[in-house]
Protein backbone atom coordinates (compact mmCIF):
# COMPACT_ATOMS: atom_id res chain seq x y z
CA MET A 1 0.00 0.00 0.00
CA ARG A 2 2.94 2.37 0.41
CA ARG A 3 4.23 4.41 -2.45
CA ARG A 4 6.91 2.95 -4.69
CA PRO A 5 10.38 4.34 -4.13
CA ARG A 6 10.85 7.59 -5.97
CA LEU A 7 12.77 10.83 -6.06
CA PHE A 8 11.17 14.12 -5.16
CA ARG A 9 10.51 16.98 -7.53
CA TRP A 10 10.76 20.64 -6.94
CA LEU A 11 8.31 23.13 -8.40
CA PRO A 12 7.60 26.73 -7.60
CA GLY A 13 4.20 27.86 -6.49
CA ALA A 14 2.21 30.56 -4.75
CA GLY A 15 -1.13 31.06 -3.09
CA VAL A 16 -3.28 32.86 -0.54
CA ILE A 17 -5.18 31.28 2.47
CA ALA A 18 -8.92 31.63 3.41
CA MET A 19 -11.99 30.60 7.55
CA GLY A 20 -57.74 32.84 42.22
CA LEU A 21 -60.89 36.73 43.72
CA VAL A 22 -62.71 36.27 47.12
CA LEU A 23 -66.18 37.99 47.66
CA GLY A 24 -66.83 40.05 50.90
CA CYS A 25 -69.94 40.70 53.05
CA GLY A 26 -72.10 43.91 53.39
CA PRO A 27 -73.55 45.07 56.75
CA GLY A 28 -77.32 45.04 57.53
CA GLN A 29 -79.12 48.42 57.62
CA VAL A 30 -81.72 49.91 60.00
CA GLY A 31 -84.26 52.71 59.19
CA THR A 32 -83.73 56.09 61.01
CA THR A 33 -86.24 58.08 63.02
CA ASN A 34 -86.36 61.74 64.12
CA PRO A 35 -86.54 62.71 67.80
CA SER A 36 -89.25 65.15 69.28
CA THR A 37 -89.83 66.62 72.70
CA GLY A 38 -93.04 65.87 74.66
CA ALA A 39 -95.14 69.01 75.45
CA GLY A 40 -96.04 70.04 79.12
CA GLY A 41 -99.61 70.21 80.48
CA ALA A 42 -101.38 73.61 80.46
CA ALA A 43 -101.97 75.52 83.76
CA SER A 44 -105.51 75.42 85.23
CA GLY A 45 -107.18 77.69 87.74
CA THR A 46 -109.55 74.98 88.68
CA GLY A 47 -106.87 72.54 89.41
CA SER A 48 -107.54 70.29 86.50
CA ALA A 49 -104.76 67.96 85.62
CA GLY A 50 -102.24 69.07 83.17
CA ASP A 51 -102.23 67.27 79.90
CA SER A 52 -99.57 64.64 79.66
CA GLY A 53 -96.72 65.27 77.37
CA ASN A 54 -96.49 63.37 74.13
CA ALA A 55 -93.94 60.61 74.01
CA GLY A 56 -90.76 61.47 72.19
CA THR A 57 -90.17 59.62 68.96
CA SER A 58 -87.11 57.53 68.43
CA GLY A 59 -83.76 59.20 67.80
CA ASP A 60 -80.97 58.10 65.52
CA ALA A 61 -78.83 55.32 66.81
CA GLY A 62 -80.81 54.70 69.93
CA THR A 63 -80.70 58.29 71.37
CA SER A 64 -83.28 58.75 74.09
CA GLY A 65 -86.09 61.28 73.76
CA SER A 66 -85.80 64.34 75.94
CA ALA A 67 -87.93 64.52 79.07
CA GLY A 68 -91.44 66.07 78.91
CA THR A 69 -91.74 69.30 80.74
CA GLY A 70 -93.80 69.00 83.89
CA GLY A 71 -97.24 70.71 83.73
CA ALA A 72 -97.87 73.54 86.08
CA SER A 73 -99.73 72.25 89.08
CA GLY A 74 -103.46 72.91 89.64
CA LEU A 75 -104.69 72.70 93.11
CA GLY A 76 -104.25 69.20 94.33
CA ALA A 77 -103.84 67.87 90.85
CA SER A 78 -100.81 66.08 89.60
CA GLY A 79 -98.83 67.19 86.59
CA GLY A 80 -98.48 64.82 83.69
CA GLY A 81 -95.32 62.81 83.48
CA GLY A 82 -92.82 63.42 80.71
CA ALA A 83 -92.68 60.95 77.88
CA GLY A 84 -90.18 58.09 77.75
CA GLY A 85 -87.21 57.72 75.44
CA SER A 86 -87.25 56.69 71.81
CA THR A 87 -87.55 53.34 70.13
CA SER A 88 -84.68 51.59 68.41
CA GLY A 89 -81.65 53.21 66.91
CA SER A 90 -79.58 51.44 64.32
CA SER A 91 -77.26 48.67 65.43
CA GLY A 92 -77.03 49.34 69.23
CA GLY A 93 -79.96 49.27 71.72
CA GLY A 94 -81.66 52.59 72.40
CA THR A 95 -81.04 54.17 75.84
CA THR A 96 -83.85 54.68 78.30
CA GLY A 97 -85.52 58.10 78.14
CA ALA A 98 -84.95 60.29 81.17
CA ALA A 99 -87.86 60.73 83.54
CA GLY A 100 -89.97 63.85 83.04
CA ALA A 101 -89.66 66.45 85.73
CA SER A 102 -92.63 66.37 88.02
CA GLY A 103 -95.16 69.20 87.95
CA ARG A 104 -96.15 70.34 91.29
CA GLY A 105 -98.04 67.45 92.66
CA GLY A 106 -97.80 65.77 89.31
CA THR A 107 -96.89 62.08 88.79
CA THR A 108 -93.54 60.89 87.57
CA GLY A 109 -93.10 60.71 83.83
CA THR A 110 -93.29 57.27 82.27
CA ALA A 111 -89.97 55.74 81.24
CA GLY A 112 -89.36 55.65 77.47
CA ALA A 113 -89.33 52.30 75.69
CA SER A 114 -85.89 50.84 74.97
CA GLY A 115 -84.53 51.15 71.44
CA ARG A 116 -84.56 48.06 69.17
CA GLY A 117 -81.28 46.43 68.30
CA GLY A 118 -79.98 46.74 64.74
CA THR A 119 -80.33 43.67 62.54
CA THR A 120 -77.24 41.58 61.76
CA GLY A 121 -75.75 41.98 58.26
CA THR A 122 -76.07 39.01 55.88
CA ALA A 123 -72.90 36.91 55.74
CA GLY A 124 -70.94 37.10 52.46
CA ALA A 125 -70.96 34.00 50.28
CA SER A 126 -67.89 31.75 50.51
CA GLY A 127 -65.35 32.02 47.69
CA THR A 128 -65.65 29.18 45.24
CA SER A 129 -62.67 26.86 44.89
CA GLY A 130 -60.28 27.52 42.04
CA ALA A 131 -60.25 25.48 38.90
CA ALA A 132 -57.67 22.72 38.77
CA GLY A 133 -54.21 23.67 37.49
CA ARG A 134 -53.18 21.80 34.37
CA GLY A 135 -50.00 19.72 34.63
CA GLY A 136 -47.16 20.79 32.36
CA THR A 137 -45.83 18.32 29.84
CA THR A 138 -42.17 17.40 29.92
CA GLY A 139 -40.23 18.93 27.04
CA THR A 140 -38.71 16.71 24.44
CA ALA A 141 -34.93 16.52 24.39
CA GLY A 142 -33.06 18.50 21.77
CA ALA A 143 -31.34 16.87 18.80
CA SER A 144 -27.55 16.24 18.90
CA GLY A 145 -27.42 15.80 22.67
CA THR A 146 -28.71 19.14 23.59
CA SER A 147 -31.11 19.25 26.61
CA GLY A 148 -34.91 19.26 25.96
CA THR A 149 -36.87 22.40 27.01
CA ALA A 150 -38.65 22.06 30.37
CA GLY A 151 -42.43 21.47 30.46
CA ARG A 152 -44.43 24.49 31.67
CA GLY A 153 -46.01 24.14 35.13
CA GLY A 154 -49.83 24.21 35.60
CA THR A 155 -51.32 27.57 36.65
CA THR A 156 -52.77 27.96 40.18
CA GLY A 157 -56.60 27.91 40.39
CA GLY A 158 -58.29 31.15 41.44
CA GLY A 159 -59.83 31.29 44.95
CA GLY A 160 -59.29 27.92 46.56
CA GLY A 161 -56.44 25.62 45.68
CA GLY A 162 -56.57 24.05 42.22
CA ALA A 163 -56.72 20.31 41.85
CA SER A 164 -53.45 18.54 41.03
CA GLY A 165 -52.39 18.74 37.38
CA ALA A 166 -51.85 15.51 35.45
CA SER A 167 -48.25 14.35 35.09
CA GLY A 168 -46.51 15.37 31.86
CA SER A 169 -45.22 12.68 29.53
CA SER A 170 -41.50 11.96 29.46
CA GLY A 171 -39.33 13.74 26.89
CA THR A 172 -37.47 11.79 24.25
CA ALA A 173 -33.79 11.28 25.03
CA GLY A 174 -31.34 13.30 22.94
CA THR A 175 -28.91 11.53 20.68
CA GLY A 176 -25.43 12.33 19.49
CA GLY A 177 -24.02 15.65 20.55
CA VAL A 178 -20.55 17.17 20.49
CA PRO A 179 -18.52 16.53 23.65
CA ALA A 180 -16.72 19.38 25.38
CA PRO A 181 -13.07 19.90 24.36
CA THR A 182 -10.34 18.41 26.53
CA GLN A 183 -6.65 19.00 26.95
CA CYS A 184 -4.51 17.33 24.28
CA THR A 185 -0.76 16.90 24.56
CA LEU A 186 0.84 16.12 21.21
CA GLN A 187 4.48 15.29 20.54
CA ASN A 188 6.50 17.50 18.25
CA HIS A 189 9.07 16.75 15.63
CA SER A 190 12.78 17.17 16.15
CA GLY A 191 15.24 18.94 13.91
CA ASN A 192 14.79 21.55 11.24
CA GLY A 193 11.84 21.15 8.91
CA SER A 194 12.21 20.61 5.19
CA PHE A 195 9.78 19.86 2.37
CA THR A 196 9.52 18.20 -0.99
CA TRP A 197 6.35 17.56 -2.97
CA TYR A 198 4.77 14.64 -4.82
CA ASN A 199 1.56 13.56 -6.49
CA PHE A 200 -0.14 10.17 -6.67
CA ALA A 201 0.87 9.44 -10.25
CA GLN A 202 4.52 9.24 -9.17
CA GLY A 203 4.14 5.86 -7.48
CA THR A 204 1.15 5.59 -5.14
CA ALA A 205 -0.59 2.17 -5.39
CA ARG A 206 -3.65 2.06 -7.63
CA ASP A 207 -7.06 0.98 -6.28
CA GLY A 208 -9.71 0.79 -8.98
CA SER A 209 -10.06 4.20 -10.56
CA GLY A 210 -8.24 5.85 -7.66
CA TYR A 211 -5.26 5.38 -5.37
CA ARG A 212 -4.62 3.78 -1.97
CA THR A 213 -1.98 5.37 0.27
CA ALA A 214 0.34 3.63 2.74
CA CYS A 215 -1.99 4.59 5.63
CA GLY A 216 -4.97 3.10 3.76
CA TYR A 217 -6.63 6.36 2.68
CA TYR A 218 -8.37 6.51 -0.69
CA GLY A 219 -7.74 9.34 -3.12
CA THR A 220 -8.36 10.47 -6.68
CA ALA A 221 -6.23 12.51 -9.05
CA ASN A 222 -6.83 15.34 -11.49
CA GLY A 223 -3.48 16.10 -13.01
CA THR A 224 -1.20 16.98 -10.09
CA THR A 225 -4.18 17.90 -7.87
CA ASP A 226 -4.96 14.92 -5.63
CA THR A 227 -8.00 14.74 -3.32
CA VAL A 228 -8.29 12.36 -0.33
CA GLU A 229 -11.33 11.07 1.56
CA ASN A 230 -11.77 11.29 5.36
CA ILE A 231 -9.00 13.78 6.14
CA ALA A 232 -9.02 17.26 7.70
CA SER A 233 -10.88 19.59 5.35
CA MET A 234 -11.88 22.64 7.39
CA SER A 235 -9.74 25.75 6.83
CA PRO A 236 -6.81 26.08 7.05
CA ALA A 237 -6.87 22.41 6.07
CA ALA A 238 -8.21 21.02 2.80
CA ALA A 239 -8.93 17.62 1.26
CA THR A 240 -6.03 18.37 -1.12
CA TYR A 241 -3.52 19.13 1.67
CA PHE A 242 -1.73 15.98 2.83
CA ALA A 243 1.74 14.71 3.63
CA ALA A 244 3.91 11.58 3.57
CA ILE A 245 6.10 11.09 6.65
CA PRO A 246 9.52 9.41 6.47
CA GLY A 247 9.29 5.70 7.29
CA ASN A 248 11.62 2.72 7.46
CA ASN A 249 11.57 -0.92 8.55
CA GLY A 250 7.97 -1.67 7.61
CA PHE A 251 6.65 1.86 8.08
CA ASP A 252 7.88 2.36 11.64
CA THR A 253 6.16 5.78 11.79
CA LYS A 254 2.66 4.48 10.90
CA SER A 255 1.42 5.66 14.33
CA HIS A 256 1.26 9.14 12.77
CA CYS A 257 -1.31 8.06 10.17
CA GLY A 258 -4.27 10.43 10.46
CA GLU A 259 -2.29 13.04 12.40
CA CYS A 260 -2.20 16.64 11.23
CA VAL A 261 0.70 19.05 10.80
CA GLU A 262 0.59 22.84 10.69
CA ILE A 263 3.10 24.27 8.25
CA THR A 264 4.20 27.88 7.93
CA GLY A 265 5.21 28.91 4.42
CA GLN A 266 7.82 31.37 3.28
CA ASN A 267 5.01 33.79 2.47
CA GLY A 268 3.71 33.55 6.08
CA THR A 269 0.76 31.39 5.07
CA LYS A 270 -0.22 28.64 7.53
CA ILE A 271 -1.89 25.47 6.31
CA ILE A 272 -2.83 22.15 7.94
CA ALA A 273 -2.16 18.87 6.14
CA THR A 274 -3.06 15.30 7.15
CA ILE A 275 -0.44 12.54 7.21
CA ILE A 276 -1.79 9.80 4.95
CA ASP A 277 1.31 8.24 3.40
CA GLU A 278 4.87 7.03 3.91
CA CYS A 279 7.91 8.69 2.42
CA PRO A 280 10.00 5.47 2.28
CA TYR A 281 13.72 5.24 2.81
CA GLY A 282 16.16 2.53 3.86
CA SER A 283 14.58 -0.90 3.86
CA ASP A 284 11.28 0.60 2.70
CA GLY A 285 12.57 2.64 -0.24
CA GLY A 286 15.09 5.09 -1.58
CA ASN A 287 13.82 8.62 -0.98
CA THR A 288 17.06 10.37 -0.11
CA ALA A 289 15.48 13.61 1.09
CA CYS A 290 13.40 11.73 3.66
CA GLN A 291 16.43 9.71 4.70
CA ALA A 292 18.58 12.83 5.10
CA ASN A 293 16.09 14.45 7.52
CA ALA A 294 13.96 11.59 8.83
CA GLY A 295 12.96 13.56 11.94
CA GLY A 296 11.92 16.77 10.21
CA HIS A 297 11.14 16.17 6.56
CA LEU A 298 7.67 16.05 5.00
CA ASP A 299 6.78 15.08 1.44
CA LEU A 300 3.78 17.30 0.72
CA SER A 301 1.02 17.14 -1.82
CA LYS A 302 1.74 19.39 -4.77
CA THR A 303 -1.26 21.58 -3.88
CA ALA A 304 -0.05 22.05 -0.29
CA PHE A 305 3.50 22.84 -1.35
CA ASP A 306 2.38 25.44 -3.86
CA ARG A 307 0.20 27.12 -1.22
CA LEU A 308 3.26 27.83 0.93
CA GLY A 309 4.96 30.07 -1.64
CA TYR A 310 8.41 28.49 -1.77
CA PRO A 311 10.27 29.35 -4.98
CA THR A 312 12.36 26.17 -4.99
CA GLY A 313 11.97 22.57 -3.98
CA ASN A 314 13.22 21.14 -0.68
CA PRO A 315 13.52 24.39 1.31
CA SER A 316 15.31 24.01 4.63
CA ASN A 317 14.86 25.68 8.03
CA THR A 318 11.11 25.60 7.65
CA ASN A 319 8.51 25.46 10.43
CA TRP A 320 5.92 22.79 11.12
CA ARG A 321 4.32 21.12 14.16
CA TYR A 322 1.73 18.46 15.05
CA VAL A 323 -1.76 19.85 15.73
CA PRO A 324 -5.31 18.48 16.20
CA CYS A 325 -7.09 17.89 12.91
CA PRO A 326 -9.93 20.24 11.92
CA VAL A 327 -12.09 17.40 10.58
CA ALA A 328 -15.76 17.73 9.64
CA GLY A 329 -18.33 15.20 10.85
CA ASN A 330 -17.85 11.92 12.68
CA VAL A 331 -15.33 9.10 12.83
CA LYS A 332 -15.54 6.85 9.75
CA VAL A 333 -14.95 3.07 9.74
CA ARG A 334 -15.01 0.32 7.10
CA PHE A 335 -13.74 -3.19 6.46
CA LYS A 336 -10.64 -3.63 4.34
CA SER A 337 -11.60 -5.04 0.97
CA GLY A 338 -11.09 -8.81 0.87
CA ASN A 339 -10.43 -9.11 4.63
CA ASN A 340 -13.06 -10.00 7.25
CA ASN A 341 -10.64 -9.43 10.16
CA GLU A 342 -9.19 -6.01 9.22
CA PHE A 343 -10.71 -2.55 9.19
CA PHE A 344 -9.83 1.14 8.89
CA VAL A 345 -10.61 4.02 11.29
CA GLU A 346 -10.39 7.50 9.74
CA ASN A 347 -11.53 11.13 10.06
CA VAL A 348 -10.20 11.53 13.59
CA ILE A 349 -9.04 14.61 15.54
CA THR A 350 -5.85 12.97 16.77
CA PRO A 351 -4.41 9.61 15.62
CA ILE A 352 -5.86 6.37 16.95
CA ALA A 353 -3.44 4.81 19.45
CA SER A 354 -5.28 1.57 20.31
CA VAL A 355 -8.41 -0.37 19.34
CA THR A 356 -10.39 -3.27 20.78
CA ILE A 357 -13.13 -4.93 18.76
CA ASN A 358 -15.62 -7.24 20.48
CA SER A 359 -13.15 -7.25 23.41
CA MET A 360 -10.24 -8.38 21.18
CA THR A 361 -7.16 -6.15 20.92
CA ALA A 362 -6.35 -5.10 17.36
CA SER A 363 -2.90 -4.28 15.98
CA ARG A 364 -1.94 -1.65 13.36
CA GLN A 365 -0.57 -3.03 10.10
CA SER A 366 2.08 -1.40 7.91
CA TYR A 367 -0.66 -0.53 5.38
CA GLY A 368 -2.77 1.30 7.99
CA ALA A 369 -5.47 -1.29 8.69
CA TRP A 370 -6.31 -2.62 12.18
CA HIS A 371 -6.08 -6.43 12.44
CA VAL A 372 -7.44 -9.21 14.70
CA GLY A 373 -6.96 -12.97 14.31
CA PRO A 374 -10.47 -14.36 13.81
CA ALA A 375 -13.13 -13.14 11.44
CA ILE A 376 -15.15 -10.25 12.86
CA THR A 377 -18.88 -10.79 13.49
CA THR A 378 -21.01 -7.72 12.93
CA PRO A 379 -22.32 -5.48 14.24
CA ALA A 380 -19.03 -5.22 16.10
CA THR A 381 -18.25 -2.92 19.03
CA LEU A 382 -15.10 -0.85 18.60
CA ASN A 383 -13.47 0.87 21.57
CA LEU A 384 -11.18 3.57 20.18
CA THR A 385 -8.50 5.41 22.17
CA ASP A 386 -6.67 8.30 20.55
CA MET A 387 -3.14 9.61 21.02
CA ALA A 388 -4.40 12.15 23.58
CA GLY A 389 -5.84 9.34 25.77
CA ARG A 390 -9.55 9.97 25.06
CA SER A 391 -11.86 7.01 24.30
CA ILE A 392 -15.14 6.54 22.47
CA THR A 393 -17.21 3.47 21.49
CA VAL A 394 -18.57 3.04 17.97
CA THR A 395 -20.14 0.27 15.85
CA LEU A 396 -18.63 -1.41 12.81
CA ASN A 397 -21.11 -2.96 10.39
CA SER A 398 -20.36 -5.14 7.39
CA GLY A 399 -19.18 -3.57 4.15
CA THR A 400 -16.15 -1.83 2.71
CA SER A 401 -17.83 1.56 2.19
CA ASN A 402 -17.28 4.42 4.61
CA GLN A 403 -19.59 4.12 7.64
CA ASP A 404 -20.51 7.21 9.66
CA THR A 405 -20.28 6.09 13.30
CA GLY A 406 -22.30 9.03 14.64
CA ARG A 407 -19.54 9.75 17.17
CA GLN A 408 -16.49 11.97 17.30
CA PHE A 409 -13.73 12.56 19.82
CA PRO A 410 -13.77 15.77 21.86
CA GLY A 411 -11.97 18.74 20.42
CA CYS A 412 -8.61 19.73 21.85
CA LEU A 413 -7.93 22.72 24.09
């Protein structure tokens, strides 16, 4: 799967980068009366009795009538008594009328009748109980792992307490979702950086109408512009930006497959390329540039090299470093064609460091696939751990086409 041994080429290039109401009660009411004073008896020469005074009428609020004036006395006759007090006042009992002053020889005035008590007000009607509050329904959970909106609570009944609202139905659980970023510690290269460029037609293994790289990635070519599936493609990366890393002794650097590098060009442009291939030297091939700087050299895609603005091939003292990959979407998996015990894991944020499948530990092959001894029964459970020590679980189904697992590793801080 690795590229055939070849020499690098140098070409110039240039480019620019782009990223409830309660009712009350009323009082009872009593009719009012007006008070009057009883008149005294008239004087008589013959000693006839004085006329009795008229009784006083009732006063407001139980006020007693004033006393009748005593009649002037006739000889041996008694004066009429003063009238009594008034009848009822409102609410309270009327007070007793004061006795009339006696006329000379007259009899004592008759006491006034007591006032009548006021009637009691009618009690207000009781407040009716409030209508039952309606139970809120539980909100459904949001798509992609976001929380569902809360159900709205039932309103309180007016007046008395509302009856209990019915329980809301359970929300549907959310699926998927993007996990929060975590800290990622990535190794860096040693030595000064240097670059050459290549394109697939120079020796990459053919696979149908396309090409298969040493890390197992599939690509297509259009002249010297090569495009690769399942690699970092969000700016400043692109599906046409990739790199081959120096490798020897059966691709001893295959652990970097799927890792990304950030490269700074002579023109100040920064791009991100995905490592998808081996630049072979020694026992694996004869690329002298990769052998001369095995710790710092990268063989770039022609498109990536041109974007950096170097006027000549193989510039030295260049800058690059390992970075998390700005991939789009989820981790992709698929079986290797013709093998029921090998599979690929691609489109990752940092390289995959270890894999178990149905509790069996898989090993990385020199052509990028993960291998176990027996045939794999599907659906198979893959536990993936990346270079930064984060783990996720995905499912591998049968078939050699790319399978979207619906899961992705956390981003890196």
